[in-house]
Amino acid sequence: MGVFVYLIIMLPFLIFALVLSQGKGTFLIAGFNTMSQEEKDTYDEIALAKFMGKMMYGYCFCVLLWVLNELFHTQWLFIVGLVLFVVLTIFLMIYMNTGNRFKK
């Protein structure tokens, strides 16, 4: 049962990753979709979308580790996936909010 729950959680992450990694779907990025058009024009939307797509692939990998944990009943896979999830989130927050990486 837990495997199906994790796979259902992973499916939207994978769809978002596929869309964003093609440089499209910036409307899916929280905060970016609420900006005015003038503010959006100051950002490189394609680079931002591709970066977020890569991060979504990372989150999919974390959930995949949780699925493997359920299949093989090894607690260490869940712990590795959880630590990776937290590290990715912290990296995302720091990387996105420091510097002008995605400004035109």
Protein backbone atom coordinates (compact mmCIF):
# COMPACT_ATOMS: atom_id res chain seq x y z
CA MET A 1 0.00 0.00 0.00
CA GLY A 2 2.79 2.44 0.88
CA VAL A 3 4.41 1.89 -2.51
CA PHE A 4 1.30 3.12 -4.30
CA VAL A 5 1.08 6.20 -2.10
CA TYR A 6 4.69 7.11 -2.84
CA LEU A 7 4.18 6.51 -6.56
CA ILE A 8 1.11 8.77 -6.53
CA ILE A 9 3.20 11.43 -4.79
CA MET A 10 6.03 10.96 -7.29
CA LEU A 11 3.87 11.27 -10.42
CA PRO A 12 3.14 15.05 -10.19
CA PHE A 13 6.78 15.72 -9.29
CA LEU A 14 7.87 13.83 -12.40
CA ILE A 15 5.36 15.63 -14.62
CA PHE A 16 6.47 19.02 -13.27
CA ALA A 17 10.12 18.02 -13.78
CA LEU A 18 9.48 17.07 -17.40
CA VAL A 19 7.64 20.31 -18.16
CA LEU A 20 10.09 22.57 -16.33
CA SER A 21 13.23 20.92 -17.71
CA GLN A 22 12.07 21.87 -21.21
CA GLY A 23 12.18 25.53 -20.17
CA LYS A 24 8.40 25.84 -20.06
CA GLY A 25 5.85 26.00 -17.28
CA THR A 26 7.18 28.90 -15.25
CA PHE A 27 3.58 29.49 -14.16
CA LEU A 28 4.05 26.39 -11.97
CA ILE A 29 6.76 28.11 -9.90
CA ALA A 30 5.32 29.58 -6.72
CA GLY A 31 5.97 33.29 -6.40
CA PHE A 32 6.96 33.70 -10.02
CA ASN A 33 3.38 33.36 -11.22
CA THR A 34 2.23 36.18 -8.92
CA MET A 35 4.79 38.72 -10.17
CA SER A 36 3.79 41.55 -12.45
CA GLN A 37 4.78 41.24 -16.09
CA GLU A 38 7.40 43.97 -15.68
CA GLU A 39 9.01 42.02 -12.84
CA LYS A 40 8.88 38.75 -14.79
CA ASP A 41 10.66 40.41 -17.70
CA THR A 42 13.74 40.93 -15.51
CA TYR A 43 14.21 37.16 -15.08
CA ASP A 44 15.57 34.54 -17.47
CA GLU A 45 12.49 32.32 -17.44
CA ILE A 46 14.07 29.45 -19.36
CA ALA A 47 17.08 29.17 -17.03
CA LEU A 48 14.81 29.39 -13.99
CA ALA A 49 12.48 26.70 -15.32
CA LYS A 50 15.35 24.37 -16.24
CA PHE A 51 16.92 24.75 -12.79
CA MET A 52 13.62 24.02 -11.07
CA GLY A 53 13.15 21.01 -13.35
CA LYS A 54 16.48 19.62 -12.20
CA MET A 55 15.45 20.13 -8.59
CA MET A 56 12.17 18.32 -9.24
CA TYR A 57 14.13 15.36 -10.66
CA GLY A 58 16.09 15.37 -7.40
CA TYR A 59 12.87 15.24 -5.40
CA CYS A 60 11.63 12.38 -7.61
CA PHE A 61 14.81 10.49 -6.80
CA CYS A 62 14.16 11.00 -3.08
CA VAL A 63 10.66 9.59 -3.41
CA LEU A 64 12.04 6.70 -5.48
CA LEU A 65 14.34 5.86 -2.56
CA TRP A 66 11.26 5.79 -0.33
CA VAL A 67 9.55 3.40 -2.77
CA LEU A 68 12.61 1.14 -2.73
CA ASN A 69 12.55 1.27 1.08
CA GLU A 70 8.98 -0.04 1.04
CA LEU A 71 9.84 -2.78 -1.45
CA PHE A 72 13.03 -4.02 0.22
CA HIS A 73 12.13 -3.17 3.85
CA THR A 74 15.42 -1.41 4.51
CA GLN A 75 15.14 1.62 6.75
CA TRP A 76 18.41 3.14 5.53
CA LEU A 77 16.94 3.89 2.08
CA PHE A 78 14.21 5.97 3.69
CA ILE A 79 16.74 7.83 5.84
CA VAL A 80 19.01 8.54 2.85
CA GLY A 81 16.00 9.77 0.86
CA LEU A 82 14.83 11.98 3.70
CA VAL A 83 18.27 13.49 4.30
CA LEU A 84 18.67 14.10 0.56
CA PHE A 85 15.22 15.73 0.47
CA VAL A 86 16.14 18.12 3.29
CA VAL A 87 19.57 18.89 1.80
CA LEU A 88 18.03 19.59 -1.62
CA THR A 89 15.47 21.91 -0.06
CA ILE A 90 18.10 23.85 1.90
CA PHE A 91 20.31 24.08 -1.21
CA LEU A 92 17.35 25.29 -3.26
CA MET A 93 16.50 28.04 -0.78
CA ILE A 94 20.09 29.26 -0.50
CA TYR A 95 20.87 29.04 -4.23
CA MET A 96 17.68 30.79 -5.33
CA ASN A 97 17.93 33.62 -2.81
CA THR A 98 21.61 34.52 -3.12
CA GLY A 99 23.03 36.35 -6.08
CA ASN A 100 21.29 37.31 -9.28
CA ARG A 101 21.58 33.95 -11.00
CA PHE A 102 18.34 34.17 -12.93
CA LYS A 103 18.26 37.90 -13.67
CA LYS A 104 18.66 38.98 -17.29
